[in-house]
């Protein structure tokens, strides 16, 4: 099954610039390690009452996201000091086109 990986987390507005820099560096490193990995970054349009944004990283790959890629993503997140409370979910296609 072709798995896609979704990771979401909260970023305090006060940390936005620093977290964005870390995220860009992490994405660059991941692309060097896994050139086939497609990475999309999204955010909710609203800011929470606690002055936090919700960000989401979406990872896909032509053959599906592998365990090796997942381990690299987790390792890079630690290396680049991404938010600790990262919720991770895997999805597979429901319908074939």
N, C-alpha and C. Protein backbone atom coordinates (compact mmCIF):
# COMPACT_ATOMS: atom_id res chain seq x y z
N UNK A 1 0.83 -1.19 0.00
CA UNK A 1 0.00 0.00 0.00
C UNK A 1 0.88 1.25 0.00
N UNK A 2 0.51 2.24 -0.78
CA UNK A 2 1.23 3.51 -0.82
C UNK A 2 0.77 4.38 0.36
N UNK A 3 1.64 4.49 1.35
CA UNK A 3 1.30 5.27 2.54
C UNK A 3 1.76 6.71 2.39
N UNK A 4 0.95 7.61 2.94
CA UNK A 4 1.32 9.02 3.07
C UNK A 4 1.39 9.32 4.56
N UNK A 5 2.32 10.18 4.93
CA UNK A 5 2.54 10.53 6.33
C UNK A 5 2.11 11.97 6.57
N UNK A 6 1.32 12.16 7.61
CA UNK A 6 0.84 13.48 8.02
C UNK A 6 1.31 13.75 9.44
N UNK A 7 1.97 14.88 9.63
CA UNK A 7 2.47 15.25 10.96
C UNK A 7 1.98 16.66 11.25
N UNK A 8 1.31 16.83 12.38
CA UNK A 8 0.83 18.17 12.71
C UNK A 8 1.18 18.52 14.15
N UNK A 9 1.26 19.83 14.38
CA UNK A 9 1.71 20.33 15.69
C UNK A 9 1.36 21.81 15.80
N UNK A 10 1.44 22.30 17.03
CA UNK A 10 1.16 23.71 17.34
C UNK A 10 2.48 24.49 17.39
N UNK A 11 2.43 25.72 16.88
CA UNK A 11 3.58 26.61 16.92
C UNK A 11 3.13 27.94 17.54
N UNK A 12 3.67 28.29 18.70
CA UNK A 12 3.33 29.60 19.26
C UNK A 12 3.76 30.71 18.30
N UNK A 13 2.94 31.72 18.17
CA UNK A 13 3.25 32.84 17.27
C UNK A 13 4.64 33.42 17.58
N UNK A 14 4.98 33.48 18.85
CA UNK A 14 6.29 34.03 19.25
C UNK A 14 7.45 33.19 18.71
N UNK A 15 7.22 31.92 18.40
CA UNK A 15 8.28 31.02 17.90
C UNK A 15 8.20 30.79 16.39
N UNK A 16 7.29 31.46 15.72
CA UNK A 16 7.01 31.19 14.31
C UNK A 16 8.27 31.30 13.45
N UNK A 17 8.99 32.39 13.54
CA UNK A 17 10.16 32.62 12.69
C UNK A 17 11.23 31.56 12.91
N UNK A 18 11.52 31.27 14.16
CA UNK A 18 12.54 30.26 14.49
C UNK A 18 12.11 28.87 13.99
N UNK A 19 10.84 28.52 14.23
CA UNK A 19 10.35 27.20 13.82
C UNK A 19 10.34 27.08 12.30
N UNK A 20 9.99 28.16 11.61
CA UNK A 20 9.99 28.13 10.15
C UNK A 20 11.40 27.93 9.60
N UNK A 21 12.38 28.58 10.19
CA UNK A 21 13.78 28.39 9.77
C UNK A 21 14.22 26.95 10.00
N UNK A 22 13.85 26.39 11.15
CA UNK A 22 14.19 25.00 11.45
C UNK A 22 13.52 24.05 10.46
N UNK A 23 12.27 24.33 10.16
CA UNK A 23 11.52 23.49 9.22
C UNK A 23 12.16 23.51 7.83
N UNK A 24 12.54 24.68 7.36
CA UNK A 24 13.18 24.77 6.04
C UNK A 24 14.50 24.00 6.00
N UNK A 25 15.28 24.12 7.06
CA UNK A 25 16.55 23.39 7.13
C UNK A 25 16.30 21.88 7.17
N UNK A 26 15.30 21.47 7.92
CA UNK A 26 14.96 20.05 8.01
C UNK A 26 14.52 19.51 6.65
N UNK A 27 13.67 20.26 5.96
CA UNK A 27 13.20 19.83 4.65
C UNK A 27 14.36 19.69 3.67
N UNK A 28 15.29 20.64 3.70
CA UNK A 28 16.46 20.58 2.82
C UNK A 28 17.27 19.31 3.09
N UNK A 29 17.50 19.02 4.36
CA UNK A 29 18.25 17.82 4.72
C UNK A 29 17.52 16.55 4.28
N UNK A 30 16.22 16.51 4.48
CA UNK A 30 15.45 15.33 4.08
C UNK A 30 15.50 15.11 2.57
N UNK A 31 15.45 16.20 1.79
CA UNK A 31 15.51 16.06 0.33
C UNK A 31 16.89 15.57 -0.11
N UNK A 32 17.95 15.96 0.61
CA UNK A 32 19.28 15.44 0.31
C UNK A 32 19.36 13.95 0.59
N UNK A 33 18.70 13.52 1.63
CA UNK A 33 18.72 12.11 2.04
C UNK A 33 17.79 11.24 1.20
N UNK A 34 16.64 11.81 0.81
CA UNK A 34 15.60 11.05 0.10
C UNK A 34 15.02 11.94 -1.01
N UNK A 35 15.70 11.98 -2.14
CA UNK A 35 15.29 12.89 -3.23
C UNK A 35 13.89 12.61 -3.75
N UNK A 36 13.41 11.39 -3.60
CA UNK A 36 12.08 11.02 -4.09
C UNK A 36 10.95 11.47 -3.16
N UNK A 37 11.30 11.91 -1.98
CA UNK A 37 10.31 12.30 -0.97
C UNK A 37 9.69 13.65 -1.35
N UNK A 38 8.37 13.70 -1.42
CA UNK A 38 7.65 14.95 -1.68
C UNK A 38 7.18 15.48 -0.33
N UNK A 39 7.42 16.77 -0.11
CA UNK A 39 7.07 17.38 1.17
C UNK A 39 6.20 18.60 0.92
N UNK A 40 5.06 18.61 1.57
CA UNK A 40 4.17 19.77 1.51
C UNK A 40 3.95 20.26 2.93
N UNK A 41 3.95 21.57 3.13
CA UNK A 41 3.74 22.14 4.45
C UNK A 41 2.50 23.03 4.39
N UNK A 42 1.63 22.84 5.36
CA UNK A 42 0.37 23.59 5.39
C UNK A 42 0.15 24.14 6.80
N UNK A 43 -0.79 25.08 6.89
CA UNK A 43 -1.19 25.57 8.20
C UNK A 43 -2.68 25.86 8.19
N UNK A 44 -3.27 25.79 9.38
CA UNK A 44 -4.67 26.20 9.49
C UNK A 44 -4.75 27.70 9.25
N UNK A 45 -5.85 28.18 8.68
CA UNK A 45 -5.94 29.61 8.39
C UNK A 45 -6.12 30.49 9.63
N UNK A 46 -6.56 29.90 10.73
CA UNK A 46 -6.80 30.70 11.93
C UNK A 46 -5.73 30.44 12.99
N UNK A 47 -5.59 31.41 13.87
CA UNK A 47 -4.70 31.30 15.03
C UNK A 47 -5.58 30.95 16.22
N UNK A 48 -5.11 30.06 17.08
CA UNK A 48 -5.91 29.64 18.23
C UNK A 48 -6.00 30.75 19.27
N UNK A 49 -6.90 30.56 20.22
CA UNK A 49 -7.05 31.52 21.32
C UNK A 49 -5.79 31.61 22.16
N UNK A 50 -4.95 30.60 22.09
CA UNK A 50 -3.69 30.58 22.84
C UNK A 50 -2.53 31.14 22.01
N UNK A 51 -2.87 31.85 20.93
CA UNK A 51 -1.87 32.43 20.02
C UNK A 51 -0.93 31.38 19.45
N UNK A 52 -1.51 30.29 18.96
CA UNK A 52 -0.75 29.22 18.32
C UNK A 52 -1.31 28.96 16.93
N UNK A 53 -0.40 28.65 16.00
CA UNK A 53 -0.80 28.19 14.68
C UNK A 53 -0.67 26.67 14.65
N UNK A 54 -1.49 26.02 13.86
CA UNK A 54 -1.36 24.58 13.65
C UNK A 54 -0.74 24.37 12.28
N UNK A 55 0.40 23.69 12.27
CA UNK A 55 1.12 23.41 11.04
C UNK A 55 1.03 21.91 10.74
N UNK A 56 1.10 21.57 9.46
CA UNK A 56 1.09 20.17 9.05
C UNK A 56 2.14 19.94 7.97
N UNK A 57 2.91 18.89 8.17
CA UNK A 57 3.85 18.41 7.15
C UNK A 57 3.20 17.18 6.51
N UNK A 58 3.20 17.15 5.18
CA UNK A 58 2.63 16.02 4.45
C UNK A 58 3.75 15.41 3.61
N UNK A 59 3.99 14.13 3.82
CA UNK A 59 5.06 13.42 3.12
C UNK A 59 4.46 12.35 2.22
N UNK A 60 4.85 12.37 0.95
CA UNK A 60 4.45 11.34 0.01
C UNK A 60 5.67 10.92 -0.79
N UNK A 61 5.57 9.77 -1.42
CA UNK A 61 6.65 9.24 -2.24
C UNK A 61 6.01 8.35 -3.30
N UNK A 62 6.59 8.26 -4.48
CA UNK A 62 5.98 7.43 -5.54
C UNK A 62 5.66 6.00 -5.11
N UNK A 63 6.51 5.42 -4.28
CA UNK A 63 6.27 4.05 -3.81
C UNK A 63 5.62 4.02 -2.43
N UNK A 64 5.23 5.16 -1.92
CA UNK A 64 4.70 5.26 -0.56
C UNK A 64 5.84 5.57 0.40
N UNK A 65 5.53 6.21 1.49
CA UNK A 65 6.54 6.58 2.47
C UNK A 65 7.01 5.31 3.18
N UNK A 66 8.31 5.08 3.16
CA UNK A 66 8.89 3.86 3.75
C UNK A 66 9.24 4.06 5.22
N UNK A 67 9.49 2.97 5.90
CA UNK A 67 9.91 3.02 7.31
C UNK A 67 11.24 3.76 7.45
N UNK A 68 12.13 3.56 6.49
CA UNK A 68 13.43 4.26 6.52
C UNK A 68 13.21 5.77 6.41
N UNK A 69 12.31 6.19 5.53
CA UNK A 69 12.01 7.61 5.40
C UNK A 69 11.37 8.17 6.68
N UNK A 70 10.49 7.40 7.28
CA UNK A 70 9.84 7.83 8.52
C UNK A 70 10.88 8.02 9.63
N UNK A 71 11.80 7.08 9.73
CA UNK A 71 12.88 7.20 10.72
C UNK A 71 13.72 8.44 10.46
N UNK A 72 14.01 8.73 9.18
CA UNK A 72 14.78 9.93 8.83
C UNK A 72 14.02 11.20 9.21
N UNK A 73 12.73 11.22 8.96
CA UNK A 73 11.90 12.38 9.31
C UNK A 73 11.93 12.61 10.81
N UNK A 74 11.75 11.55 11.57
CA UNK A 74 11.76 11.67 13.04
C UNK A 74 13.12 12.12 13.55
N UNK A 75 14.18 11.58 12.99
CA UNK A 75 15.53 11.94 13.40
C UNK A 75 15.82 13.40 13.07
N UNK A 76 15.46 13.82 11.86
CA UNK A 76 15.69 15.22 11.47
C UNK A 76 14.87 16.18 12.32
N UNK A 77 13.67 15.79 12.68
CA UNK A 77 12.84 16.65 13.54
C UNK A 77 13.54 16.91 14.87
N UNK A 78 14.16 15.87 15.41
CA UNK A 78 14.91 16.05 16.67
C UNK A 78 16.16 16.91 16.44
N UNK A 79 16.88 16.61 15.38
CA UNK A 79 18.12 17.33 15.08
C UNK A 79 17.87 18.83 14.88
N UNK A 80 16.77 19.17 14.21
CA UNK A 80 16.48 20.57 13.90
C UNK A 80 15.53 21.21 14.92
N UNK A 81 15.37 20.57 16.06
CA UNK A 81 14.59 21.13 17.18
C UNK A 81 13.17 21.53 16.81
N UNK A 82 12.51 20.66 16.09
CA UNK A 82 11.11 20.91 15.77
C UNK A 82 10.27 20.68 17.04
N UNK A 83 9.03 21.21 17.07
CA UNK A 83 8.21 21.02 18.26
C UNK A 83 8.15 19.55 18.68
N UNK A 84 8.22 19.32 19.98
CA UNK A 84 8.26 17.96 20.51
C UNK A 84 6.90 17.26 20.35
N UNK A 85 5.83 17.97 20.58
CA UNK A 85 4.49 17.37 20.49
C UNK A 85 4.02 17.33 19.04
N UNK A 86 4.54 16.38 18.29
CA UNK A 86 4.20 16.19 16.87
C UNK A 86 3.29 14.98 16.77
N UNK A 87 2.09 15.18 16.27
CA UNK A 87 1.15 14.07 16.09
C UNK A 87 1.32 13.51 14.69
N UNK A 88 1.48 12.21 14.61
CA UNK A 88 1.78 11.54 13.35
C UNK A 88 0.66 10.59 12.98
N UNK A 89 0.25 10.66 11.71
CA UNK A 89 -0.79 9.75 11.21
C UNK A 89 -0.41 9.28 9.82
N UNK A 90 -0.74 8.04 9.53
CA UNK A 90 -0.50 7.45 8.22
C UNK A 90 -1.86 7.27 7.53
N UNK A 91 -1.88 7.52 6.23
CA UNK A 91 -3.08 7.29 5.44
C UNK A 91 -2.70 6.50 4.20
N UNK A 92 -3.65 5.71 3.73
CA UNK A 92 -3.51 4.98 2.46
C UNK A 92 -4.68 5.36 1.57
N UNK A 93 -4.54 5.20 0.25
CA UNK A 93 -5.65 5.56 -0.64
C UNK A 93 -6.91 4.74 -0.34
N UNK A 94 -8.03 5.39 -0.38
CA UNK A 94 -9.30 4.72 -0.19
C UNK A 94 -9.84 4.21 -1.52
N UNK A 95 -9.70 5.03 -2.54
CA UNK A 95 -10.18 4.68 -3.89
C UNK A 95 -9.02 4.72 -4.87
N UNK A 96 -9.04 3.84 -5.83
CA UNK A 96 -8.03 3.87 -6.88
C UNK A 96 -8.60 4.64 -8.06
N UNK A 97 -7.76 5.44 -8.70
CA UNK A 97 -8.21 6.22 -9.86
C UNK A 97 -7.97 5.45 -11.13
